[in-house]
């Protein structure tokens, strides 16, 4: 039984091949990318990647940018690999959303232990989707499916949809939504809620009708 799918992004061919061999022997399915651009393509095309092992220093698009792009859409566990040994680099990686950080050179036993830890910590194999009508949401990977087809939402759109679904049948006003999704210190217009709702509805297609506008009150997620 496959434990999960891992994307390795590293331009060192020998290292990538060794990591693939080790992880596949442990029961994981592995995809490999040789640069940041390919890593992003594979990640967003695959839809079901459970963990990313990401080198910082890569051609075309560096690891920091790949981390930023993935975090815009997903909370998938990410382990950063780098030859940069300064503590400030580790702090930067963890601050920007990495789940773990390993400096090169490293032992393969350590890497494997860190990978297994991430899988246990995130309970990847036992994650149950959140179902709302014809919408299925994988909360770990932060991915949304409509009629089994992947729908890409950015981070704020995803958070807003989750908030509505988890409060199904409850009318939520703009102030409640803004303070929950954007935070109490948000200084922009509450009308940003309307803009995001419009985008979510468009991306969900016919399931966008689940989000009801309650005139003069706010929004409610309803399934009949």
C-alpha atoms as a PDB file:
ATOM      1  CA  UNK A   1       0.000   0.000   0.000  1.00  0.00           C
ATOM      2  CA  UNK A   2       1.386   3.406  -0.997  1.00  0.00           C
ATOM      3  CA  UNK A   3       1.977   5.628   2.025  1.00  0.00           C
ATOM      4  CA  UNK A   4       1.598   8.867   0.094  1.00  0.00           C
ATOM      5  CA  UNK A   5       2.865  10.971  -2.802  1.00  0.00           C
ATOM      6  CA  UNK A   6       5.973  13.143  -2.403  1.00  0.00           C
ATOM      7  CA  UNK A   7       7.352  15.797  -4.736  1.00  0.00           C
ATOM      8  CA  UNK A   8      11.148  16.272  -4.637  1.00  0.00           C
ATOM      9  CA  UNK A   9      12.435  19.515  -6.156  1.00  0.00           C
ATOM     10  CA  UNK A  10      16.243  19.621  -6.364  1.00  0.00           C
ATOM     11  CA  UNK A  11      18.600  20.380  -9.243  1.00  0.00           C
ATOM     12  CA  UNK A  12      21.230  17.936  -7.933  1.00  0.00           C
ATOM     13  CA  UNK A  13      20.447  14.904 -10.100  1.00  0.00           C
ATOM     14  CA  UNK A  14      22.375  12.325  -8.040  1.00  0.00           C
ATOM     15  CA  UNK A  15      20.836  13.502  -4.765  1.00  0.00           C
ATOM     16  CA  UNK A  16      17.350  13.510  -6.261  1.00  0.00           C
ATOM     17  CA  UNK A  17      17.759   9.972  -7.569  1.00  0.00           C
ATOM     18  CA  UNK A  18      19.029   8.734  -4.199  1.00  0.00           C
ATOM     19  CA  UNK A  19      16.169  10.355  -2.323  1.00  0.00           C
ATOM     20  CA  UNK A  20      13.674   8.861  -4.748  1.00  0.00           C
ATOM     21  CA  UNK A  21      15.150   5.391  -4.261  1.00  0.00           C
ATOM     22  CA  UNK A  22      15.103   5.679  -0.455  1.00  0.00           C
ATOM     23  CA  UNK A  23      11.557   7.011  -0.279  1.00  0.00           C
ATOM     24  CA  UNK A  24      10.156   4.497  -2.773  1.00  0.00           C
ATOM     25  CA  UNK A  25      11.693   1.639  -0.776  1.00  0.00           C
ATOM     26  CA  UNK A  26       9.878   3.088   2.254  1.00  0.00           C
ATOM     27  CA  UNK A  27       6.584   2.851   0.355  1.00  0.00           C
ATOM     28  CA  UNK A  28       6.137   6.388  -0.974  1.00  0.00           C
ATOM     29  CA  UNK A  29       5.352   7.403  -4.556  1.00  0.00           C
ATOM     30  CA  UNK A  30       7.834  10.050  -5.746  1.00  0.00           C
ATOM     31  CA  UNK A  31       7.751  12.787  -8.378  1.00  0.00           C
ATOM     32  CA  UNK A  32      10.919  14.739  -9.203  1.00  0.00           C
ATOM     33  CA  UNK A  33      11.541  18.263 -10.483  1.00  0.00           C
ATOM     34  CA  UNK A  34      14.937  19.667 -11.538  1.00  0.00           C
ATOM     35  CA  UNK A  35      14.076  23.335 -11.090  1.00  0.00           C
ATOM     36  CA  UNK A  36      11.501  25.552  -9.403  1.00  0.00           C
ATOM     37  CA  UNK A  37       9.440  26.094 -12.530  1.00  0.00           C
ATOM     38  CA  UNK A  38       9.001  22.350 -13.065  1.00  0.00           C
ATOM     39  CA  UNK A  39       8.222  21.901  -9.363  1.00  0.00           C
ATOM     40  CA  UNK A  40       5.306  24.334  -9.567  1.00  0.00           C
ATOM     41  CA  UNK A  41       4.012  22.705 -12.745  1.00  0.00           C
ATOM     42  CA  UNK A  42       4.104  19.227 -11.210  1.00  0.00           C
ATOM     43  CA  UNK A  43       2.565  20.370  -7.946  1.00  0.00           C
ATOM     44  CA  UNK A  44      -0.427  22.113  -9.474  1.00  0.00           C
ATOM     45  CA  UNK A  45      -0.966  19.460 -12.160  1.00  0.00           C
ATOM     46  CA  UNK A  46      -0.844  16.521  -9.739  1.00  0.00           C
ATOM     47  CA  UNK A  47      -3.522  17.740  -7.297  1.00  0.00           C
ATOM     48  CA  UNK A  48      -2.847  14.971  -4.758  1.00  0.00           C
ATOM     49  CA  UNK A  49       0.728  15.539  -3.534  1.00  0.00           C
ATOM     50  CA  UNK A  50       1.001  14.860   0.197  1.00  0.00           C
ATOM     51  CA  UNK A  51       4.424  16.363   0.946  1.00  0.00           C
ATOM     52  CA  UNK A  52       7.049  18.499  -0.797  1.00  0.00           C
ATOM     53  CA  UNK A  53      10.831  18.265  -0.325  1.00  0.00           C
ATOM     54  CA  UNK A  54      12.136  21.549  -1.664  1.00  0.00           C
ATOM     55  CA  UNK A  55      15.681  22.748  -2.292  1.00  0.00           C
ATOM     56  CA  UNK A  56      16.281  26.474  -1.792  1.00  0.00           C
ATOM     57  CA  UNK A  57      18.921  27.070  -4.482  1.00  0.00           C
ATOM     58  CA  UNK A  58      17.338  26.012  -7.785  1.00  0.00           C
ATOM     59  CA  UNK A  59      17.464  27.452 -11.307  1.00  0.00           C
ATOM     60  CA  UNK A  60      14.608  29.355 -12.988  1.00  0.00           C
ATOM     61  CA  UNK A  61      12.578  29.759  -9.784  1.00  0.00           C
ATOM     62  CA  UNK A  62      14.223  29.456  -6.374  1.00  0.00           C
ATOM     63  CA  UNK A  63      12.851  27.494  -3.444  1.00  0.00           C
ATOM     64  CA  UNK A  64      11.648  30.567  -1.558  1.00  0.00           C
ATOM     65  CA  UNK A  65       9.415  31.561  -4.481  1.00  0.00           C
ATOM     66  CA  UNK A  66       8.116  28.010  -4.909  1.00  0.00           C
ATOM     67  CA  UNK A  67       7.282  27.936  -1.190  1.00  0.00           C
ATOM     68  CA  UNK A  68       5.452  31.245  -1.499  1.00  0.00           C
ATOM     69  CA  UNK A  69       3.450  30.110  -4.536  1.00  0.00           C
ATOM     70  CA  UNK A  70       2.390  26.804  -2.960  1.00  0.00           C
ATOM     71  CA  UNK A  71       1.462  28.480   0.320  1.00  0.00           C
ATOM     72  CA  UNK A  72      -0.860  30.798  -1.573  1.00  0.00           C
ATOM     73  CA  UNK A  73      -3.010  27.761  -2.334  1.00  0.00           C
ATOM     74  CA  UNK A  74      -2.135  24.958   0.064  1.00  0.00           C
ATOM     75  CA  UNK A  75      -1.013  23.923   3.540  1.00  0.00           C
ATOM     76  CA  UNK A  76       0.703  20.773   2.246  1.00  0.00           C
ATOM     77  CA  UNK A  77       3.727  19.894   4.443  1.00  0.00           C
ATOM     78  CA  UNK A  78       6.980  21.286   3.000  1.00  0.00           C
ATOM     79  CA  UNK A  79      10.514  20.318   4.037  1.00  0.00           C
ATOM     80  CA  UNK A  80      13.205  22.732   2.865  1.00  0.00           C
ATOM     81  CA  UNK A  81      16.682  21.483   1.889  1.00  0.00           C
ATOM     82  CA  UNK A  82      19.561  23.911   1.620  1.00  0.00           C
ATOM     83  CA  UNK A  83      23.314  24.309   1.546  1.00  0.00           C
ATOM     84  CA  UNK A  84      22.766  27.612   3.359  1.00  0.00           C
ATOM     85  CA  UNK A  85      23.676  26.871   6.965  1.00  0.00           C
ATOM     86  CA  UNK A  86      23.058  30.284   8.527  1.00  0.00           C
ATOM     87  CA  UNK A  87      20.405  30.274  11.243  1.00  0.00           C
ATOM     88  CA  UNK A  88      18.737  33.280   9.596  1.00  0.00           C
ATOM     89  CA  UNK A  89      18.037  31.123   6.528  1.00  0.00           C
ATOM     90  CA  UNK A  90      16.345  28.515   8.690  1.00  0.00           C
ATOM     91  CA  UNK A  91      14.305  31.213  10.412  1.00  0.00           C
ATOM     92  CA  UNK A  92      13.294  32.646   7.030  1.00  0.00           C
ATOM     93  CA  UNK A  93      12.142  29.262   5.784  1.00  0.00           C
ATOM     94  CA  UNK A  94      10.078  28.449   8.859  1.00  0.00           C
ATOM     95  CA  UNK A  95       8.655  31.973   9.039  1.00  0.00           C
ATOM     96  CA  UNK A  96       7.567  31.824   5.403  1.00  0.00           C
ATOM     97  CA  UNK A  97       5.601  28.624   5.889  1.00  0.00           C
ATOM     98  CA  UNK A  98       7.999  25.690   5.695  1.00  0.00           C
ATOM     99  CA  UNK A  99       7.213  22.849   8.106  1.00  0.00           C
ATOM    100  CA  UNK A 100      10.812  21.691   8.507  1.00  0.00           C
ATOM    101  CA  UNK A 101      14.305  22.708   7.416  1.00  0.00           C
ATOM    102  CA  UNK A 102      17.315  20.460   6.802  1.00  0.00           C
ATOM    103  CA  UNK A 103      20.818  21.774   6.042  1.00  0.00           C
ATOM    104  CA  UNK A 104      23.023  19.923   3.542  1.00  0.00           C
ATOM    105  CA  UNK A 105      24.851  17.627   3.902  1.00  0.00           C
ATOM    106  CA  UNK A 106      22.453  15.438   5.885  1.00  0.00           C
ATOM    107  CA  UNK A 107      22.018  11.746   6.595  1.00  0.00           C
ATOM    108  CA  UNK A 108      19.301   9.959   4.689  1.00  0.00           C
ATOM    109  CA  UNK A 109      18.109   8.420   7.939  1.00  0.00           C
ATOM    110  CA  UNK A 110      17.423  11.897   9.307  1.00  0.00           C
ATOM    111  CA  UNK A 111      15.522  12.947   6.200  1.00  0.00           C
ATOM    112  CA  UNK A 112      13.436   9.777   6.221  1.00  0.00           C
ATOM    113  CA  UNK A 113      12.652  10.281   9.909  1.00  0.00           C
ATOM    114  CA  UNK A 114      11.562  13.889   9.225  1.00  0.00           C
ATOM    115  CA  UNK A 115       9.348  12.743   6.322  1.00  0.00           C
ATOM    116  CA  UNK A 116       7.694  10.049   8.425  1.00  0.00           C
ATOM    117  CA  UNK A 117       7.175  12.562  11.224  1.00  0.00           C
ATOM    118  CA  UNK A 118       5.357  14.947   8.889  1.00  0.00           C
ATOM    119  CA  UNK A 119       3.072  12.164   7.716  1.00  0.00           C
ATOM    120  CA  UNK A 120       2.281  11.146  11.289  1.00  0.00           C
ATOM    121  CA  UNK A 121       1.833  14.733  12.461  1.00  0.00           C
ATOM    122  CA  UNK A 122      -0.564  15.566   9.672  1.00  0.00           C
ATOM    123  CA  UNK A 123      -2.338  12.218   9.817  1.00  0.00           C
ATOM    124  CA  UNK A 124      -2.256  12.189   6.023  1.00  0.00           C
ATOM    125  CA  UNK A 125      -3.471   8.630   5.552  1.00  0.00           C
ATOM    126  CA  UNK A 126      -6.565   9.140   7.712  1.00  0.00           C
ATOM    127  CA  UNK A 127      -7.714  12.580   6.594  1.00  0.00           C
ATOM    128  CA  UNK A 128     -11.444  12.570   5.821  1.00  0.00           C
ATOM    129  CA  UNK A 129     -12.751  15.165   3.342  1.00  0.00           C
ATOM    130  CA  UNK A 130     -15.307  17.770   4.338  1.00  0.00           C
ATOM    131  CA  UNK A 131     -18.391  17.153   2.190  1.00  0.00           C
ATOM    132  CA  UNK A 132     -20.954  19.837   1.369  1.00  0.00           C
ATOM    133  CA  UNK A 133     -23.367  18.801  -1.363  1.00  0.00           C
ATOM    134  CA  UNK A 134     -21.270  18.215  -4.498  1.00  0.00           C
ATOM    135  CA  UNK A 135     -18.285  19.954  -2.955  1.00  0.00           C
ATOM    136  CA  UNK A 136     -15.499  17.904  -1.370  1.00  0.00           C
ATOM    137  CA  UNK A 137     -12.753  19.666   0.591  1.00  0.00           C
ATOM    138  CA  UNK A 138      -9.417  18.147   1.616  1.00  0.00           C
ATOM    139  CA  UNK A 139      -8.565  20.379   4.563  1.00  0.00           C
ATOM    140  CA  UNK A 140      -5.023  19.084   4.975  1.00  0.00           C
ATOM    141  CA  UNK A 141      -4.009  19.787   1.391  1.00  0.00           C
ATOM    142  CA  UNK A 142      -6.328  22.801   1.200  1.00  0.00           C
ATOM    143  CA  UNK A 143      -7.861  21.538  -2.023  1.00  0.00           C
ATOM    144  CA  UNK A 144     -11.438  21.805  -3.240  1.00  0.00           C
ATOM    145  CA  UNK A 145     -13.251  19.471  -5.644  1.00  0.00           C
ATOM    146  CA  UNK A 146     -16.605  20.016  -7.342  1.00  0.00           C
ATOM    147  CA  UNK A 147     -18.162  16.842  -8.712  1.00  0.00           C
ATOM    148  CA  UNK A 148     -14.732  15.197  -8.226  1.00  0.00           C
ATOM    149  CA  UNK A 149     -12.978  17.871 -10.346  1.00  0.00           C
ATOM    150  CA  UNK A 150     -10.244  19.998  -8.783  1.00  0.00           C
ATOM    151  CA  UNK A 151     -11.048  23.706  -8.368  1.00  0.00           C
ATOM    152  CA  UNK A 152      -8.151  26.029  -7.589  1.00  0.00           C
ATOM    153  CA  UNK A 153      -8.911  28.633  -4.923  1.00  0.00           C
ATOM    154  CA  UNK A 154      -6.336  31.012  -3.493  1.00  0.00           C
ATOM    155  CA  UNK A 155      -5.739  31.069   0.249  1.00  0.00           C
ATOM    156  CA  UNK A 156      -8.338  33.720   1.148  1.00  0.00           C
ATOM    157  CA  UNK A 157     -10.981  32.176  -1.122  1.00  0.00           C
ATOM    158  CA  UNK A 158     -10.354  28.789   0.461  1.00  0.00           C
ATOM    159  CA  UNK A 159     -10.550  30.161   4.012  1.00  0.00           C
ATOM    160  CA  UNK A 160     -13.783  31.987   3.209  1.00  0.00           C
ATOM    161  CA  UNK A 161     -15.380  28.900   1.681  1.00  0.00           C
ATOM    162  CA  UNK A 162     -14.398  26.776   4.683  1.00  0.00           C
ATOM    163  CA  UNK A 163     -15.835  29.401   7.051  1.00  0.00           C
ATOM    164  CA  UNK A 164     -19.142  29.409   5.171  1.00  0.00           C
ATOM    165  CA  UNK A 165     -19.358  25.613   4.934  1.00  0.00           C
ATOM    166  CA  UNK A 166     -18.591  25.087   8.616  1.00  0.00           C
ATOM    167  CA  UNK A 167     -21.322  27.602   9.477  1.00  0.00           C
ATOM    168  CA  UNK A 168     -23.865  26.104   7.089  1.00  0.00           C
ATOM    169  CA  UNK A 169     -27.324  27.615   7.508  1.00  0.00           C
ATOM    170  CA  UNK A 170     -26.038  30.572   9.533  1.00  0.00           C
ATOM    171  CA  UNK A 171     -26.147  34.106   8.149  1.00  0.00           C
ATOM    172  CA  UNK A 172     -22.697  35.691   8.453  1.00  0.00           C
ATOM    173  CA  UNK A 173     -22.398  39.448   8.041  1.00  0.00           C
ATOM    174  CA  UNK A 174     -19.447  41.169   6.389  1.00  0.00           C
ATOM    175  CA  UNK A 175     -17.926  42.264   9.696  1.00  0.00           C
ATOM    176  CA  UNK A 176     -17.889  38.680  11.009  1.00  0.00           C
ATOM    177  CA  UNK A 177     -16.314  37.438   7.787  1.00  0.00           C
ATOM    178  CA  UNK A 178     -13.680  40.173   7.615  1.00  0.00           C
ATOM    179  CA  UNK A 179     -12.556  39.783  11.238  1.00  0.00           C
ATOM    180  CA  UNK A 180     -12.400  35.986  10.905  1.00  0.00           C
ATOM    181  CA  UNK A 181     -10.640  35.776   7.519  1.00  0.00           C
ATOM    182  CA  UNK A 182      -8.657  39.015   7.325  1.00  0.00           C
ATOM    183  CA  UNK A 183      -8.272  39.711  11.054  1.00  0.00           C
ATOM    184  CA  UNK A 184      -9.306  42.505  13.407  1.00  0.00           C
ATOM    185  CA  UNK A 185      -6.501  44.768  12.190  1.00  0.00           C
ATOM    186  CA  UNK A 186      -7.706  44.709   8.558  1.00  0.00           C
ATOM    187  CA  UNK A 187      -7.994  48.296   7.316  1.00  0.00           C
ATOM    188  CA  UNK A 188      -9.509  47.742   3.868  1.00  0.00           C
ATOM    189  CA  UNK A 189     -13.124  47.850   2.757  1.00  0.00           C
ATOM    190  CA  UNK A 190     -15.605  45.184   3.848  1.00  0.00           C
ATOM    191  CA  UNK A 191     -16.638  45.066   0.192  1.00  0.00           C
ATOM    192  CA  UNK A 192     -13.647  42.804  -0.407  1.00  0.00           C
ATOM    193  CA  UNK A 193     -15.960  40.077   0.929  1.00  0.00           C
ATOM    194  CA  UNK A 194     -18.325  40.630  -2.011  1.00  0.00           C
ATOM    195  CA  UNK A 195     -15.438  40.421  -4.481  1.00  0.00           C
ATOM    196  CA  UNK A 196     -14.181  37.154  -2.999  1.00  0.00           C
ATOM    197  CA  UNK A 197     -17.681  35.664  -2.856  1.00  0.00           C
ATOM    198  CA  UNK A 198     -18.153  36.495  -6.539  1.00  0.00           C
ATOM    199  CA  UNK A 199     -14.885  34.749  -7.436  1.00  0.00           C
ATOM    200  CA  UNK A 200     -15.724  31.677  -5.346  1.00  0.00           C
ATOM    201  CA  UNK A 201     -19.162  31.361  -6.927  1.00  0.00           C
ATOM    202  CA  UNK A 202     -17.635  31.606 -10.393  1.00  0.00           C
ATOM    203  CA  UNK A 203     -15.048  28.919  -9.675  1.00  0.00           C
ATOM    204  CA  UNK A 204     -17.579  26.549  -8.075  1.00  0.00           C
ATOM    205  CA  UNK A 205     -19.867  26.679 -11.106  1.00  0.00           C
ATOM    206  CA  UNK A 206     -23.371  25.433 -10.348  1.00  0.00           C
ATOM    207  CA  UNK A 207     -22.326  24.766  -6.748  1.00  0.00           C
ATOM    208  CA  UNK A 208     -21.756  28.491  -6.378  1.00  0.00           C
ATOM    209  CA  UNK A 209     -25.528  28.681  -5.829  1.00  0.00           C
ATOM    210  CA  UNK A 210     -24.958  27.139  -2.398  1.00  0.00           C
ATOM    211  CA  UNK A 211     -23.735  30.569  -1.279  1.00  0.00           C
ATOM    212  CA  UNK A 212     -26.820  32.710  -0.720  1.00  0.00           C
ATOM    213  CA  UNK A 213     -26.889  36.479  -0.480  1.00  0.00           C
ATOM    214  CA  UNK A 214     -29.099  37.559   2.404  1.00  0.00           C
ATOM    215  CA  UNK A 215     -29.917  41.124   1.418  1.00  0.00           C
ATOM    216  CA  UNK A 216     -29.020  43.610   4.113  1.00  0.00           C
ATOM    217  CA  UNK A 217     -27.590  40.840   6.313  1.00  0.00           C
ATOM    218  CA  UNK A 218     -24.690  38.997   4.708  1.00  0.00           C
ATOM    219  CA  UNK A 219     -24.107  35.536   3.274  1.00  0.00           C
ATOM    220  CA  UNK A 220     -25.185  32.002   4.125  1.00  0.00           C
ATOM    221  CA  UNK A 221     -24.159  28.579   2.834  1.00  0.00           C
ATOM    222  CA  UNK A 222     -27.308  26.562   2.105  1.00  0.00           C
ATOM    223  CA  UNK A 223     -27.848  23.085   0.644  1.00  0.00           C
ATOM    224  CA  UNK A 224     -31.373  21.883  -0.089  1.00  0.00           C
END
